[in-house]
N, C-alpha and C. Protein backbone atom coordinates (compact mmCIF):
# COMPACT_ATOMS: atom_id res chain seq x y z
N MET A 1 74.10 89.21 169.85
CA MET A 1 73.19 88.42 168.91
C MET A 1 73.95 88.17 167.64
N LEU A 2 74.02 86.86 167.21
CA LEU A 2 74.72 86.52 165.94
C LEU A 2 73.63 86.28 164.96
N SER A 3 73.95 86.77 163.73
CA SER A 3 73.01 86.38 162.55
C SER A 3 73.79 85.65 161.58
N PHE A 4 73.20 84.75 161.00
CA PHE A 4 73.92 83.82 160.06
C PHE A 4 73.49 84.09 158.63
N VAL A 5 74.50 84.11 157.73
CA VAL A 5 74.18 84.28 156.32
C VAL A 5 74.01 82.90 155.76
N ASP A 6 72.77 82.60 155.25
CA ASP A 6 72.32 81.35 154.82
C ASP A 6 72.70 81.10 153.37
N ASP A 7 72.27 81.88 152.48
CA ASP A 7 72.46 81.62 150.96
C ASP A 7 73.33 82.76 150.43
N GLY A 8 74.34 82.40 149.70
CA GLY A 8 75.19 83.45 149.08
C GLY A 8 75.64 82.98 147.77
N LEU A 9 75.95 83.82 146.85
CA LEU A 9 76.39 83.41 145.56
C LEU A 9 77.58 84.42 145.12
N ILE A 10 78.77 83.80 144.77
CA ILE A 10 79.87 84.59 144.30
C ILE A 10 80.11 83.99 142.87
N ILE A 11 80.21 84.98 141.88
CA ILE A 11 80.39 84.55 140.58
C ILE A 11 81.69 85.14 140.11
N ALA A 12 82.50 84.27 139.45
CA ALA A 12 83.70 84.66 138.92
C ALA A 12 83.79 83.90 137.56
N GLN A 13 84.53 84.52 136.56
CA GLN A 13 84.59 83.92 135.26
C GLN A 13 86.08 84.14 134.71
N ASN A 14 86.69 83.13 134.25
CA ASN A 14 88.02 83.14 133.67
C ASN A 14 88.30 81.83 133.02
N ASN A 15 89.06 81.86 131.94
CA ASN A 15 89.42 80.63 131.19
C ASN A 15 90.39 79.85 131.96
N SER A 16 91.25 80.47 132.79
CA SER A 16 92.29 79.82 133.55
C SER A 16 91.73 79.33 134.86
N ILE A 17 91.73 78.09 135.17
CA ILE A 17 91.19 77.45 136.35
C ILE A 17 92.07 77.97 137.64
N PRO A 18 93.38 78.00 137.62
CA PRO A 18 94.05 78.35 138.81
C PRO A 18 93.73 79.96 139.08
N ILE A 19 93.66 80.79 138.02
CA ILE A 19 93.30 82.19 138.24
C ILE A 19 91.86 82.26 138.75
N LEU A 20 91.05 81.44 138.20
CA LEU A 20 89.59 81.48 138.69
C LEU A 20 89.52 81.10 140.14
N ASN A 21 90.26 79.99 140.59
CA ASN A 21 90.24 79.65 142.03
C ASN A 21 90.78 80.64 142.88
N SER A 22 91.79 81.48 142.42
CA SER A 22 92.41 82.47 143.30
C SER A 22 91.50 83.60 143.35
N GLN A 23 90.77 83.95 142.28
CA GLN A 23 89.68 85.04 142.35
C GLN A 23 88.66 84.65 143.37
N LEU A 24 88.23 83.32 143.28
CA LEU A 24 87.12 82.91 144.21
C LEU A 24 87.66 82.94 145.60
N PHE A 25 88.94 82.58 145.84
CA PHE A 25 89.47 82.68 147.22
C PHE A 25 89.50 84.15 147.77
N CYS A 26 90.00 84.95 146.90
CA CYS A 26 90.02 86.42 147.35
C CYS A 26 88.67 87.03 147.67
N SER A 27 87.71 86.60 146.75
CA SER A 27 86.26 87.19 146.91
C SER A 27 85.71 86.66 148.17
N TYR A 28 85.92 85.35 148.46
CA TYR A 28 85.51 84.77 149.70
C TYR A 28 86.13 85.35 150.90
N SER A 29 87.26 85.69 150.85
CA SER A 29 88.02 86.33 151.91
C SER A 29 87.56 87.75 152.22
N ILE A 30 87.35 88.55 151.20
CA ILE A 30 86.82 89.87 151.38
C ILE A 30 85.32 89.76 151.88
N LEU A 31 84.58 88.95 151.34
CA LEU A 31 83.24 88.76 151.82
C LEU A 31 83.15 88.37 153.20
N SER A 32 84.04 87.40 153.63
CA SER A 32 83.97 86.83 154.94
C SER A 32 84.30 88.01 155.97
N ASN A 33 85.41 88.82 155.64
CA ASN A 33 85.81 89.93 156.39
C ASN A 33 84.71 90.98 156.62
N LEU A 34 84.12 91.35 155.43
CA LEU A 34 82.97 92.25 155.57
C LEU A 34 81.86 91.81 156.42
N LEU A 35 81.42 90.64 156.22
CA LEU A 35 80.34 90.13 157.02
C LEU A 35 80.65 89.95 158.44
N THR A 36 81.92 89.64 158.74
CA THR A 36 82.32 89.59 160.20
C THR A 36 82.31 91.01 160.77
N ASP A 37 82.75 92.01 159.99
CA ASP A 37 82.72 93.42 160.52
C ASP A 37 81.33 93.87 160.86
N PHE A 38 80.31 93.32 160.05
CA PHE A 38 78.89 93.68 160.34
C PHE A 38 78.24 92.76 161.31
N GLY A 39 79.00 91.87 161.92
CA GLY A 39 78.40 91.01 163.02
C GLY A 39 77.67 89.84 162.41
N LEU A 40 77.99 89.48 161.21
CA LEU A 40 77.26 88.31 160.57
C LEU A 40 78.26 87.16 160.41
N VAL A 41 77.77 85.93 160.44
CA VAL A 41 78.56 84.71 160.44
C VAL A 41 78.14 83.95 159.22
N ILE A 42 79.20 83.48 158.38
CA ILE A 42 78.84 82.65 157.22
C ILE A 42 78.81 81.20 157.72
N GLU A 43 77.76 80.57 157.19
CA GLU A 43 77.65 79.02 157.49
C GLU A 43 78.48 78.44 156.36
N HIS A 44 79.80 78.04 156.79
CA HIS A 44 80.71 77.59 155.74
C HIS A 44 80.17 76.17 155.29
N GLY A 45 79.54 75.44 156.04
CA GLY A 45 79.01 74.12 155.67
C GLY A 45 78.02 74.10 154.47
N LYS A 46 77.33 75.24 154.27
CA LYS A 46 76.32 75.43 153.30
C LYS A 46 76.88 76.16 152.04
N THR A 47 78.16 76.46 152.10
CA THR A 47 78.88 77.18 150.94
C THR A 47 79.05 76.07 149.82
N GLU A 48 78.74 76.43 148.65
CA GLU A 48 78.93 75.63 147.48
C GLU A 48 79.49 76.41 146.26
N ILE A 49 80.12 75.67 145.22
CA ILE A 49 80.64 76.31 144.06
C ILE A 49 80.13 75.54 142.91
N PHE A 50 80.00 76.21 141.79
CA PHE A 50 79.40 75.54 140.56
C PHE A 50 80.11 76.31 139.45
N HIS A 51 80.56 75.58 138.41
CA HIS A 51 81.23 76.13 137.28
C HIS A 51 80.49 75.72 136.02
N PHE A 52 80.35 76.74 135.12
CA PHE A 52 79.93 76.41 133.84
C PHE A 52 81.10 76.28 132.87
N THR A 53 80.93 75.41 131.88
CA THR A 53 82.12 75.27 131.01
C THR A 53 81.63 74.97 129.56
N ARG A 54 82.49 75.26 128.73
CA ARG A 54 82.26 74.85 127.27
C ARG A 54 83.17 73.83 126.78
N LEU A 55 84.05 73.24 127.67
CA LEU A 55 84.86 72.23 127.27
C LEU A 55 84.16 70.95 127.03
N HIS A 56 84.63 70.14 126.12
CA HIS A 56 84.05 68.84 125.69
C HIS A 56 84.73 67.84 126.58
N GLY A 57 83.91 66.72 126.87
CA GLY A 57 84.47 65.65 127.59
C GLY A 57 84.35 65.91 129.13
N GLU A 58 85.23 65.13 129.88
CA GLU A 58 85.23 65.24 131.38
C GLU A 58 85.69 66.61 131.70
N PHE A 59 85.06 67.10 132.92
CA PHE A 59 85.49 68.39 133.35
C PHE A 59 85.59 68.29 134.90
N ASN A 60 86.91 68.19 135.31
CA ASN A 60 87.19 68.00 136.64
C ASN A 60 87.97 69.24 137.16
N LEU A 61 87.40 69.94 138.12
CA LEU A 61 88.08 71.14 138.63
C LEU A 61 88.87 70.64 140.02
N PRO A 62 89.92 71.34 140.23
CA PRO A 62 90.61 71.11 141.52
C PRO A 62 89.80 71.71 142.59
N PRO A 63 89.79 71.17 143.77
CA PRO A 63 89.01 71.81 144.84
C PRO A 63 89.50 73.17 145.30
N LEU A 64 88.68 74.01 145.87
CA LEU A 64 88.97 75.36 146.30
C LEU A 64 89.23 75.21 147.86
N ASP A 65 90.29 75.32 148.26
CA ASP A 65 90.70 75.17 149.65
C ASP A 65 90.52 76.51 150.36
N LEU A 66 89.55 76.63 151.30
CA LEU A 66 89.33 77.74 152.10
C LEU A 66 89.72 77.57 153.58
N SER A 67 90.48 76.55 153.79
CA SER A 67 90.92 76.26 155.18
C SER A 67 91.70 77.41 155.73
N PRO A 68 92.57 78.26 154.95
CA PRO A 68 93.18 79.36 155.63
C PRO A 68 92.26 80.42 156.14
N LEU A 69 91.04 80.44 155.66
CA LEU A 69 89.93 81.47 156.12
C LEU A 69 89.01 80.72 157.08
N ARG A 70 89.33 79.58 157.62
CA ARG A 70 88.57 78.80 158.54
C ARG A 70 87.29 78.33 157.78
N GLY A 71 87.50 78.04 156.60
CA GLY A 71 86.35 77.47 155.84
C GLY A 71 86.68 76.15 155.26
N PRO A 72 85.64 75.53 154.53
CA PRO A 72 85.76 74.23 154.17
C PRO A 72 86.65 74.17 152.86
N VAL A 73 86.88 72.94 152.43
CA VAL A 73 87.45 72.61 151.06
C VAL A 73 86.28 72.34 150.17
N LEU A 74 85.99 73.19 149.14
CA LEU A 74 84.88 73.18 148.26
C LEU A 74 85.24 72.45 146.97
N ARG A 75 84.34 71.53 146.61
CA ARG A 75 84.36 70.90 145.27
C ARG A 75 83.34 71.32 144.48
N SER A 76 83.53 71.41 143.21
CA SER A 76 82.37 71.85 142.33
C SER A 76 81.34 70.84 142.22
N LYS A 77 80.18 71.33 142.10
CA LYS A 77 78.96 70.38 142.00
C LYS A 77 78.72 70.13 140.59
N ASP A 78 78.14 68.97 140.28
CA ASP A 78 77.78 68.64 138.92
C ASP A 78 76.47 69.29 138.47
N SER A 79 75.49 69.60 139.42
CA SER A 79 74.30 70.23 138.99
C SER A 79 73.95 71.27 140.03
N TRP A 80 73.18 72.22 139.66
CA TRP A 80 72.75 73.37 140.50
C TRP A 80 71.36 73.61 140.34
N LYS A 81 70.55 73.63 141.48
CA LYS A 81 69.11 73.90 141.33
C LYS A 81 68.87 75.37 141.83
N TYR A 82 68.29 76.13 140.94
CA TYR A 82 67.97 77.44 141.20
C TYR A 82 66.65 77.82 140.74
N LEU A 83 65.61 78.29 141.60
CA LEU A 83 64.31 78.63 141.35
C LEU A 83 63.57 77.47 140.53
N GLY A 84 63.87 76.27 140.90
CA GLY A 84 63.19 75.19 140.28
C GLY A 84 63.84 74.62 139.01
N PHE A 85 64.84 75.30 138.47
CA PHE A 85 65.50 74.82 137.26
C PHE A 85 66.80 74.07 137.69
N LEU A 86 67.10 73.08 136.90
CA LEU A 86 68.31 72.19 137.19
C LEU A 86 69.25 72.49 136.12
N PHE A 87 70.40 73.12 136.50
CA PHE A 87 71.48 73.51 135.54
C PHE A 87 72.59 72.48 135.72
N ASP A 88 73.22 72.11 134.60
CA ASP A 88 74.39 71.34 134.60
C ASP A 88 75.48 72.20 134.06
N GLN A 89 76.78 71.70 134.15
CA GLN A 89 77.93 72.54 133.84
C GLN A 89 77.92 72.96 132.35
N LYS A 90 77.23 72.22 131.45
CA LYS A 90 77.32 72.57 130.05
C LYS A 90 76.02 73.04 129.58
N LEU A 91 75.11 73.35 130.49
CA LEU A 91 73.78 73.93 130.16
C LEU A 91 73.00 73.13 129.06
N THR A 92 72.97 71.87 129.28
CA THR A 92 72.24 70.90 128.30
C THR A 92 70.82 70.66 128.82
N PHE A 93 70.56 70.80 130.13
CA PHE A 93 69.33 70.71 130.72
C PHE A 93 68.74 69.32 130.73
N HIS A 94 69.68 68.39 130.48
CA HIS A 94 69.27 66.86 130.55
C HIS A 94 68.59 66.48 131.94
N GLN A 95 69.16 66.92 132.93
CA GLN A 95 68.70 66.61 134.26
C GLN A 95 67.40 67.32 134.59
N HIS A 96 67.21 68.52 134.07
CA HIS A 96 65.92 69.22 134.16
C HIS A 96 64.82 68.54 133.51
N LEU A 97 65.12 68.12 132.25
CA LEU A 97 64.08 67.44 131.48
C LEU A 97 63.71 66.07 132.13
N ASN A 98 64.71 65.27 132.52
CA ASN A 98 64.52 63.99 133.21
C ASN A 98 63.64 64.22 134.41
N PHE A 99 64.00 65.21 135.31
CA PHE A 99 63.23 65.30 136.50
C PHE A 99 61.85 65.73 136.23
N TYR A 100 61.50 66.56 135.32
CA TYR A 100 60.13 67.04 135.19
C TYR A 100 59.31 66.04 134.23
N SER A 101 59.99 65.33 133.42
CA SER A 101 59.23 64.32 132.67
C SER A 101 58.81 63.25 133.59
N ASN A 102 59.68 62.75 134.44
CA ASN A 102 59.41 61.73 135.42
C ASN A 102 58.36 62.11 136.28
N LYS A 103 58.35 63.38 136.74
CA LYS A 103 57.31 63.93 137.66
C LYS A 103 55.90 63.89 136.96
N ALA A 104 55.84 64.24 135.72
CA ALA A 104 54.61 64.30 134.85
C ALA A 104 54.14 62.84 134.70
N LEU A 105 55.06 61.95 134.32
CA LEU A 105 54.57 60.48 134.22
C LEU A 105 54.06 59.90 135.51
N LEU A 106 54.69 60.28 136.65
CA LEU A 106 54.21 59.83 137.95
C LEU A 106 52.78 60.33 138.13
N THR A 107 52.52 61.59 137.84
CA THR A 107 51.26 62.26 138.04
C THR A 107 50.21 61.52 137.08
N VAL A 108 50.58 61.22 135.93
CA VAL A 108 49.63 60.54 135.04
C VAL A 108 49.17 59.19 135.61
N LYS A 109 50.29 58.36 136.23
CA LYS A 109 49.97 57.12 136.86
C LYS A 109 48.99 57.30 138.06
N CYS A 110 49.16 58.36 138.81
CA CYS A 110 48.24 58.67 139.90
C CYS A 110 46.90 58.99 139.37
N MET A 111 46.88 59.74 138.31
CA MET A 111 45.48 60.01 137.76
C MET A 111 44.67 58.77 137.34
N LYS A 112 45.49 57.74 136.82
CA LYS A 112 44.78 56.44 136.56
C LYS A 112 44.16 55.83 137.71
N LEU A 113 44.86 56.06 138.82
CA LEU A 113 44.18 55.47 140.11
C LEU A 113 42.86 56.22 140.43
N LEU A 114 42.82 57.51 140.13
CA LEU A 114 41.59 58.24 140.31
C LEU A 114 40.50 57.65 139.45
N GLY A 115 40.86 57.34 138.25
CA GLY A 115 39.87 56.89 137.23
C GLY A 115 39.34 55.50 137.48
N ASN A 116 40.14 54.65 138.24
CA ASN A 116 39.70 53.38 138.69
C ASN A 116 39.14 53.31 140.07
N SER A 117 38.83 54.38 140.65
CA SER A 117 38.20 54.35 141.96
C SER A 117 36.75 53.92 141.88
N SER A 118 36.16 53.83 142.97
CA SER A 118 34.69 53.33 143.00
C SER A 118 33.71 54.24 142.27
N ARG A 119 34.03 55.55 142.36
CA ARG A 119 33.05 56.45 141.80
C ARG A 119 33.40 56.90 140.35
N ARG A 120 34.54 56.56 139.88
CA ARG A 120 35.01 56.90 138.56
C ARG A 120 34.96 58.43 138.22
N ILE A 121 35.86 58.97 137.41
CA ILE A 121 35.74 60.32 137.01
C ILE A 121 35.35 60.37 135.54
N SER A 122 34.74 61.46 135.09
CA SER A 122 34.29 61.39 133.72
C SER A 122 35.45 61.90 132.89
N PRO A 123 35.33 61.67 131.55
CA PRO A 123 36.24 62.09 130.55
C PRO A 123 36.54 63.62 130.57
N LEU A 124 35.50 64.40 130.85
CA LEU A 124 35.73 65.88 131.01
C LEU A 124 36.56 66.19 132.26
N GLN A 125 36.37 65.55 133.35
CA GLN A 125 37.14 65.63 134.60
C GLN A 125 38.57 65.22 134.34
N LYS A 126 38.83 64.07 133.56
CA LYS A 126 40.09 63.71 133.28
C LYS A 126 40.81 64.75 132.46
N HIS A 127 40.14 65.33 131.49
CA HIS A 127 40.73 66.34 130.58
C HIS A 127 41.08 67.56 131.46
N GLN A 128 40.33 67.93 132.46
CA GLN A 128 40.58 69.20 133.31
C GLN A 128 41.75 68.90 134.24
N LEU A 129 41.81 67.70 134.76
CA LEU A 129 42.97 67.22 135.54
C LEU A 129 44.25 67.26 134.78
N TYR A 130 44.25 66.74 133.49
CA TYR A 130 45.37 66.80 132.66
C TYR A 130 45.87 68.17 132.33
N ARG A 131 44.87 69.09 132.09
CA ARG A 131 45.25 70.47 131.72
C ARG A 131 45.79 71.18 133.05
N CYS A 132 45.27 70.85 134.16
CA CYS A 132 45.75 71.55 135.33
C CYS A 132 46.99 71.04 135.99
N CYS A 133 47.11 69.74 135.91
CA CYS A 133 48.21 69.04 136.71
C CYS A 133 49.38 68.79 135.73
N ILE A 134 49.08 68.09 134.69
CA ILE A 134 50.20 67.55 133.81
C ILE A 134 50.84 68.73 132.87
N LEU A 135 50.01 69.61 132.35
CA LEU A 135 50.55 70.61 131.55
C LEU A 135 51.42 71.59 132.24
N SER A 136 51.05 71.86 133.49
CA SER A 136 51.78 72.86 134.25
C SER A 136 53.19 72.29 134.61
N ILE A 137 53.28 70.98 134.79
CA ILE A 137 54.50 70.30 135.13
C ILE A 137 55.30 70.14 133.86
N VAL A 138 54.82 69.77 132.78
CA VAL A 138 55.52 69.47 131.52
C VAL A 138 56.07 70.82 131.00
N LEU A 139 55.36 71.88 130.96
CA LEU A 139 55.60 73.13 130.43
C LEU A 139 56.44 74.02 131.32
N TYR A 140 56.78 73.53 132.55
CA TYR A 140 57.44 74.43 133.54
C TYR A 140 58.96 74.69 132.87
N GLY A 141 59.26 75.89 132.74
CA GLY A 141 60.62 76.21 132.11
C GLY A 141 60.67 76.04 130.69
N PHE A 142 59.54 75.93 129.96
CA PHE A 142 59.55 75.71 128.55
C PHE A 142 60.25 76.91 127.86
N GLN A 143 60.01 78.16 128.31
CA GLN A 143 60.71 79.25 127.63
C GLN A 143 62.16 79.26 127.82
N LEU A 144 62.70 78.64 128.84
CA LEU A 144 64.07 78.54 129.06
C LEU A 144 64.79 77.73 127.90
């Protein structure tokens, strides 16, 4: 019986990109060998890498070639979604704010449809809907 490893995360940090890629390659190799010894299989197609940076301007990383380990060639992603939060490489949270503000605006538009229905909803019900639906969306991740 084979078991598959679905989600994994390897974290490495270094200012030098070539050293960072070699650290990631070695870590992936060690992890792959350990999991194989335990009878587990890595789903290489679901493997992703993501880098945070403080550099200004364009940030293009060379791909991480895992083909010697029978893995894919990995390219760094522009954004990473984790526990409902959208992270970008510079931690500006612009994508997170855009996603949740658009979601809140769409919910407000749907609430207008409820108010225009044949039975209409009272202002108190509109207020309760706003507090329950819109505020929870808008304030999600506010502490972050």
